[in-house]
Each structure stands twice: as structure tokens, then as C-alpha cells.
C-alpha atoms as a PDB file:
ATOM      1  CA  UNK A   1      34.699  23.877 -25.639  1.00  0.00           C
ATOM      2  CA  UNK A   2      32.792  22.376 -28.544  1.00  0.00           C
ATOM      3  CA  UNK A   3      29.083  21.673 -28.930  1.00  0.00           C
ATOM      4  CA  UNK A   4      29.534  18.012 -27.956  1.00  0.00           C
ATOM      5  CA  UNK A   5      31.325  18.985 -24.743  1.00  0.00           C
ATOM      6  CA  UNK A   6      28.434  21.254 -23.738  1.00  0.00           C
ATOM      7  CA  UNK A   7      25.874  18.506 -24.402  1.00  0.00           C
ATOM      8  CA  UNK A   8      27.906  16.076 -22.282  1.00  0.00           C
ATOM      9  CA  UNK A   9      28.087  18.658 -19.499  1.00  0.00           C
ATOM     10  CA  UNK A  10      24.312  19.219 -19.590  1.00  0.00           C
ATOM     11  CA  UNK A  11      23.607  15.468 -19.542  1.00  0.00           C
ATOM     12  CA  UNK A  12      25.937  15.001 -16.556  1.00  0.00           C
ATOM     13  CA  UNK A  13      24.120  17.738 -14.675  1.00  0.00           C
ATOM     14  CA  UNK A  14      20.713  16.251 -15.495  1.00  0.00           C
ATOM     15  CA  UNK A  15      21.694  12.818 -14.238  1.00  0.00           C
ATOM     16  CA  UNK A  16      22.587  14.263 -10.837  1.00  0.00           C
ATOM     17  CA  UNK A  17      19.338  16.154 -10.262  1.00  0.00           C
ATOM     18  CA  UNK A  18      17.004  14.303  -7.924  1.00  0.00           C
ATOM     19  CA  UNK A  19      13.429  15.478  -7.750  1.00  0.00           C
ATOM     20  CA  UNK A  20      10.977  14.162  -5.199  1.00  0.00           C
ATOM     21  CA  UNK A  21       7.292  14.605  -5.725  1.00  0.00           C
ATOM     22  CA  UNK A  22       5.348  16.030  -2.813  1.00  0.00           C
ATOM     23  CA  UNK A  23       2.236  14.039  -3.690  1.00  0.00           C
ATOM     24  CA  UNK A  24       4.099  10.759  -4.105  1.00  0.00           C
ATOM     25  CA  UNK A  25       2.594   7.997  -1.980  1.00  0.00           C
ATOM     26  CA  UNK A  26       4.853   5.918   0.232  1.00  0.00           C
ATOM     27  CA  UNK A  27       5.102   2.283  -0.776  1.00  0.00           C
ATOM     28  CA  UNK A  28       2.226  -0.027   0.077  1.00  0.00           C
ATOM     29  CA  UNK A  29       3.123  -1.908   3.264  1.00  0.00           C
ATOM     30  CA  UNK A  30       3.931  -5.564   2.667  1.00  0.00           C
ATOM     31  CA  UNK A  31       1.797  -6.602   5.628  1.00  0.00           C
ATOM     32  CA  UNK A  32      -1.114  -4.791   7.226  1.00  0.00           C
ATOM     33  CA  UNK A  33      -0.709  -5.278  10.968  1.00  0.00           C
ATOM     34  CA  UNK A  34      -3.442  -3.231  12.631  1.00  0.00           C
ATOM     35  CA  UNK A  35      -7.117  -2.402  12.209  1.00  0.00           C
ATOM     36  CA  UNK A  36      -6.368   1.280  11.561  1.00  0.00           C
ATOM     37  CA  UNK A  37      -3.884   0.320   8.843  1.00  0.00           C
ATOM     38  CA  UNK A  38      -6.486  -2.001   7.342  1.00  0.00           C
ATOM     39  CA  UNK A  39      -9.082   0.776   7.187  1.00  0.00           C
ATOM     40  CA  UNK A  40      -6.522   3.206   5.765  1.00  0.00           C
ATOM     41  CA  UNK A  41      -5.620   0.756   2.997  1.00  0.00           C
ATOM     42  CA  UNK A  42      -9.320   0.252   2.188  1.00  0.00           C
ATOM     43  CA  UNK A  43      -9.819   4.001   1.830  1.00  0.00           C
ATOM     44  CA  UNK A  44      -6.670   4.324  -0.276  1.00  0.00           C
ATOM     45  CA  UNK A  45      -7.884   1.483  -2.530  1.00  0.00           C
ATOM     46  CA  UNK A  46     -11.103   3.408  -3.135  1.00  0.00           C
ATOM     47  CA  UNK A  47      -9.068   6.515  -3.983  1.00  0.00           C
ATOM     48  CA  UNK A  48      -6.855   4.447  -6.296  1.00  0.00           C
ATOM     49  CA  UNK A  49      -9.934   3.373  -8.240  1.00  0.00           C
ATOM     50  CA  UNK A  50     -12.012   6.555  -8.104  1.00  0.00           C
ATOM     51  CA  UNK A  51      -9.411   9.303  -8.486  1.00  0.00           C
ATOM     52  CA  UNK A  52      -6.361   7.676 -10.044  1.00  0.00           C
ATOM     53  CA  UNK A  53      -7.935   4.891 -12.095  1.00  0.00           C
ATOM     54  CA  UNK A  54      -5.155   2.613 -10.788  1.00  0.00           C
ATOM     55  CA  UNK A  55      -6.815  -0.777 -10.495  1.00  0.00           C
ATOM     56  CA  UNK A  56      -3.503  -2.596 -10.025  1.00  0.00           C
ATOM     57  CA  UNK A  57      -2.499  -0.596  -6.953  1.00  0.00           C
ATOM     58  CA  UNK A  58      -6.022  -0.957  -5.544  1.00  0.00           C
ATOM     59  CA  UNK A  59      -5.798  -4.727  -6.038  1.00  0.00           C
ATOM     60  CA  UNK A  60      -2.472  -4.834  -4.162  1.00  0.00           C
ATOM     61  CA  UNK A  61      -3.948  -2.888  -1.263  1.00  0.00           C
ATOM     62  CA  UNK A  62      -7.031  -5.097  -1.130  1.00  0.00           C
ATOM     63  CA  UNK A  63      -4.906  -8.264  -1.173  1.00  0.00           C
ATOM     64  CA  UNK A  64      -3.033  -6.968   1.898  1.00  0.00           C
ATOM     65  CA  UNK A  65      -6.366  -6.202   3.591  1.00  0.00           C
ATOM     66  CA  UNK A  66      -7.656  -9.709   2.808  1.00  0.00           C
ATOM     67  CA  UNK A  67      -4.518 -11.246   4.321  1.00  0.00           C
ATOM     68  CA  UNK A  68      -5.050  -9.204   7.491  1.00  0.00           C
ATOM     69  CA  UNK A  69      -8.716 -10.265   7.691  1.00  0.00           C
ATOM     70  CA  UNK A  70      -7.762 -13.938   7.295  1.00  0.00           C
ATOM     71  CA  UNK A  71      -5.109 -13.694  10.019  1.00  0.00           C
ATOM     72  CA  UNK A  72      -7.507 -11.932  12.383  1.00  0.00           C
ATOM     73  CA  UNK A  73     -10.259 -14.490  11.686  1.00  0.00           C
ATOM     74  CA  UNK A  74      -7.833 -17.342  12.419  1.00  0.00           C
ATOM     75  CA  UNK A  75      -6.743 -15.657  15.652  1.00  0.00           C
ATOM     76  CA  UNK A  76     -10.365 -15.136  16.669  1.00  0.00           C
ATOM     77  CA  UNK A  77     -11.250 -18.753  15.864  1.00  0.00           C
ATOM     78  CA  UNK A  78      -8.343 -19.949  18.004  1.00  0.00           C
ATOM     79  CA  UNK A  79      -9.456 -17.808  20.956  1.00  0.00           C
ATOM     80  CA  UNK A  80     -11.294 -19.981  23.529  1.00  0.00           C
ATOM     81  CA  UNK A  81     -13.606 -17.097  24.504  1.00  0.00           C
ATOM     82  CA  UNK A  82     -14.729 -16.689  20.890  1.00  0.00           C
ATOM     83  CA  UNK A  83     -15.426 -20.426  20.692  1.00  0.00           C
ATOM     84  CA  UNK A  84     -17.705 -20.260  23.764  1.00  0.00           C
ATOM     85  CA  UNK A  85     -19.580 -17.274  22.305  1.00  0.00           C
ATOM     86  CA  UNK A  86     -20.158 -19.141  19.030  1.00  0.00           C
ATOM     87  CA  UNK A  87     -21.611 -22.127  20.879  1.00  0.00           C
ATOM     88  CA  UNK A  88     -23.915 -19.868  22.917  1.00  0.00           C
ATOM     89  CA  UNK A  89     -25.119 -18.083  19.778  1.00  0.00           C
ATOM     90  CA  UNK A  90     -26.075 -21.306  17.998  1.00  0.00           C
END
């Protein structure tokens, strides 16, 4: 076995090794669907900025939170009970 054969063998072995990081975050959910998820994403966005200096990931999280807030506001506005409460308050 020559030197080139050994290098090829090492490279083949390296390509098959899969390492998972314990601290690796799961992917950001495409849609935030619940209040708890919304709060969790807000906290994670703060961590992204403060600890990781990852403004892009924080922006993604905050965009998902904004979408959730818009959907919830639209649902609340469409709720007849909410409409009555708004009229009473004004």
C-alpha cells in the first residue's frame, strides 16, 4: 500500500464520520402557532443577539413572532365579543 492509498483511505473514513453537536439548536419553526412558542422565540432572539451576536437568526425569529402577532390580532378583530368590548371601551 502506497502513501496515496493511505491518504485515500483516511479521506474515505473522514467522509463517513457524522458528528452532532450537543448544543446545536433545532431549526427555527416556519410558523409560530402558540403563545408559548411566541414567547420562547422572543427569548431565543434575545439570546441570539446578546450571547451569539447572530442578528440574522434573531431577525428570522422576530419575523415569525410578528407574523403570529398579526394573525392573532386579525383573529381577535374578527371575534364579535372583542368588537363589543372595543365599542364599550370607547
